[in-house]
Amino acid sequence: MRKVIEEAHPEEAPAGGWISGPQLADHFGVSSMTIWRWRQDPSLSFPKPITVRHRNFWSMSALRAWERRMALVSAGVTCPPPCDSDSDRNSTADTEAS
């Protein structure tokens, strides 16, 4: 199992897969220090990792939801965390129905 986690590429990982800290930093093209800063900034609501033998692993589904949320924030859409694509569609449909 460890080999599967360590060798998984973020873009190829299944929706429920896990990636390590170095893979996460590589995926976003940032340093491990930047990942640490994102974790410390409560305004970002960065997903929390699980720790296995002193190594952090992030859920790919949680990271994808966070990326969608950050894309909405960048586009000027306000949606409080946890904001996912399903709740965005529901609120849009409610607004359009009014």
Protein backbone atom coordinates (compact mmCIF):
# COMPACT_ATOMS: atom_id res chain seq x y z
CA MET A 1 0.00 0.00 0.00
CA ARG A 2 2.80 2.42 0.86
CA LYS A 3 4.31 1.99 -2.60
CA VAL A 4 0.94 2.77 -4.21
CA ILE A 5 0.59 5.98 -2.19
CA GLU A 6 4.15 7.13 -2.82
CA GLU A 7 4.06 6.45 -6.56
CA ALA A 8 0.64 7.90 -7.28
CA HIS A 9 0.61 10.98 -9.45
CA PRO A 10 -2.02 13.55 -8.40
CA GLU A 11 -3.51 13.82 -11.86
CA GLU A 12 -3.80 10.02 -12.12
CA ALA A 13 -4.98 9.31 -8.57
CA PRO A 14 -8.54 8.12 -8.12
CA ALA A 15 -11.04 10.52 -6.57
CA GLY A 16 -10.60 8.83 -3.21
CA GLY A 17 -6.80 8.51 -3.48
CA TRP A 18 -4.12 9.99 -1.25
CA ILE A 19 -0.92 11.88 -2.05
CA SER A 20 2.11 12.69 0.07
CA GLY A 21 3.45 16.13 1.00
CA PRO A 22 6.19 16.16 -1.66
CA GLN A 23 3.69 15.06 -4.32
CA LEU A 24 1.31 17.78 -3.17
CA ALA A 25 3.99 20.47 -3.43
CA ASP A 26 4.95 19.17 -6.87
CA HIS A 27 1.31 19.15 -7.99
CA PHE A 28 0.88 22.83 -7.12
CA GLY A 29 4.41 23.80 -8.17
CA VAL A 30 5.23 25.22 -4.73
CA SER A 31 7.63 24.45 -1.89
CA SER A 32 6.80 22.42 1.20
CA MET A 33 7.05 25.71 3.12
CA THR A 34 4.20 27.13 1.03
CA ILE A 35 2.09 24.08 1.84
CA TRP A 36 2.86 24.66 5.53
CA ARG A 37 1.81 28.32 5.22
CA TRP A 38 -1.46 27.35 3.51
CA ARG A 39 -2.15 24.94 6.39
CA GLN A 40 -1.53 27.69 8.94
CA ASP A 41 -3.80 30.26 7.24
CA PRO A 42 -7.37 29.74 8.53
CA SER A 43 -8.81 31.94 5.77
CA LEU A 44 -7.76 29.37 3.15
CA SER A 45 -9.44 26.37 4.82
CA PHE A 46 -6.75 24.13 3.35
CA PRO A 47 -7.61 20.42 3.78
CA LYS A 48 -6.12 18.72 6.81
CA PRO A 49 -3.82 15.75 6.16
CA ILE A 50 -3.75 12.41 7.87
CA THR A 51 -0.42 11.43 9.38
CA VAL A 52 1.03 7.96 8.93
CA ARG A 53 4.41 7.24 10.51
CA HIS A 54 5.26 10.94 10.72
CA ARG A 55 4.35 11.57 7.06
CA ASN A 56 1.38 13.62 5.89
CA PHE A 57 -1.06 12.45 3.23
CA TRP A 58 -3.90 14.46 1.69
CA SER A 59 -7.14 13.19 0.26
CA MET A 60 -7.40 13.90 -3.46
CA SER A 61 -11.15 14.48 -3.22
CA ALA A 62 -10.63 17.08 -0.45
CA LEU A 63 -7.90 18.78 -2.50
CA ARG A 64 -10.09 18.89 -5.61
CA ALA A 65 -12.94 20.44 -3.59
CA TRP A 66 -10.47 23.01 -2.18
CA GLU A 67 -9.22 23.83 -5.69
CA ARG A 68 -12.81 24.38 -6.87
CA ARG A 69 -13.47 26.61 -3.87
CA MET A 70 -10.32 28.65 -4.54
CA ALA A 71 -11.29 29.02 -8.22
CA LEU A 72 -14.66 30.42 -7.13
CA VAL A 73 -12.98 32.83 -4.74
CA SER A 74 -10.62 33.97 -7.51
CA ALA A 75 -13.64 34.54 -9.75
CA GLY A 76 -15.24 36.71 -7.06
CA VAL A 77 -17.91 34.20 -6.04
CA THR A 78 -18.43 34.21 -2.29
CA CYS A 79 -19.15 30.84 -0.81
CA PRO A 80 -18.35 30.00 2.82
CA PRO A 81 -16.37 26.83 3.50
CA PRO A 82 -17.05 24.07 2.97
CA CYS A 83 -18.24 25.17 -0.43
CA ASP A 84 -18.45 22.45 -3.04
CA SER A 85 -19.74 22.29 -6.56
CA ASP A 86 -23.04 20.64 -5.52
CA SER A 87 -24.00 23.40 -3.10
CA ASP A 88 -22.97 26.01 -5.70
CA ARG A 89 -25.31 24.44 -8.24
CA ASN A 90 -28.13 24.30 -5.71
CA SER A 91 -27.75 27.94 -4.70
CA THR A 92 -27.56 28.98 -8.36
CA ALA A 93 -30.70 27.00 -9.17
CA ASP A 94 -32.51 28.58 -6.19
CA THR A 95 -31.48 32.05 -7.36
CA GLU A 96 -32.57 31.40 -10.94
CA ALA A 97 -35.94 30.00 -9.78
CA SER A 98 -36.70 33.19 -7.84
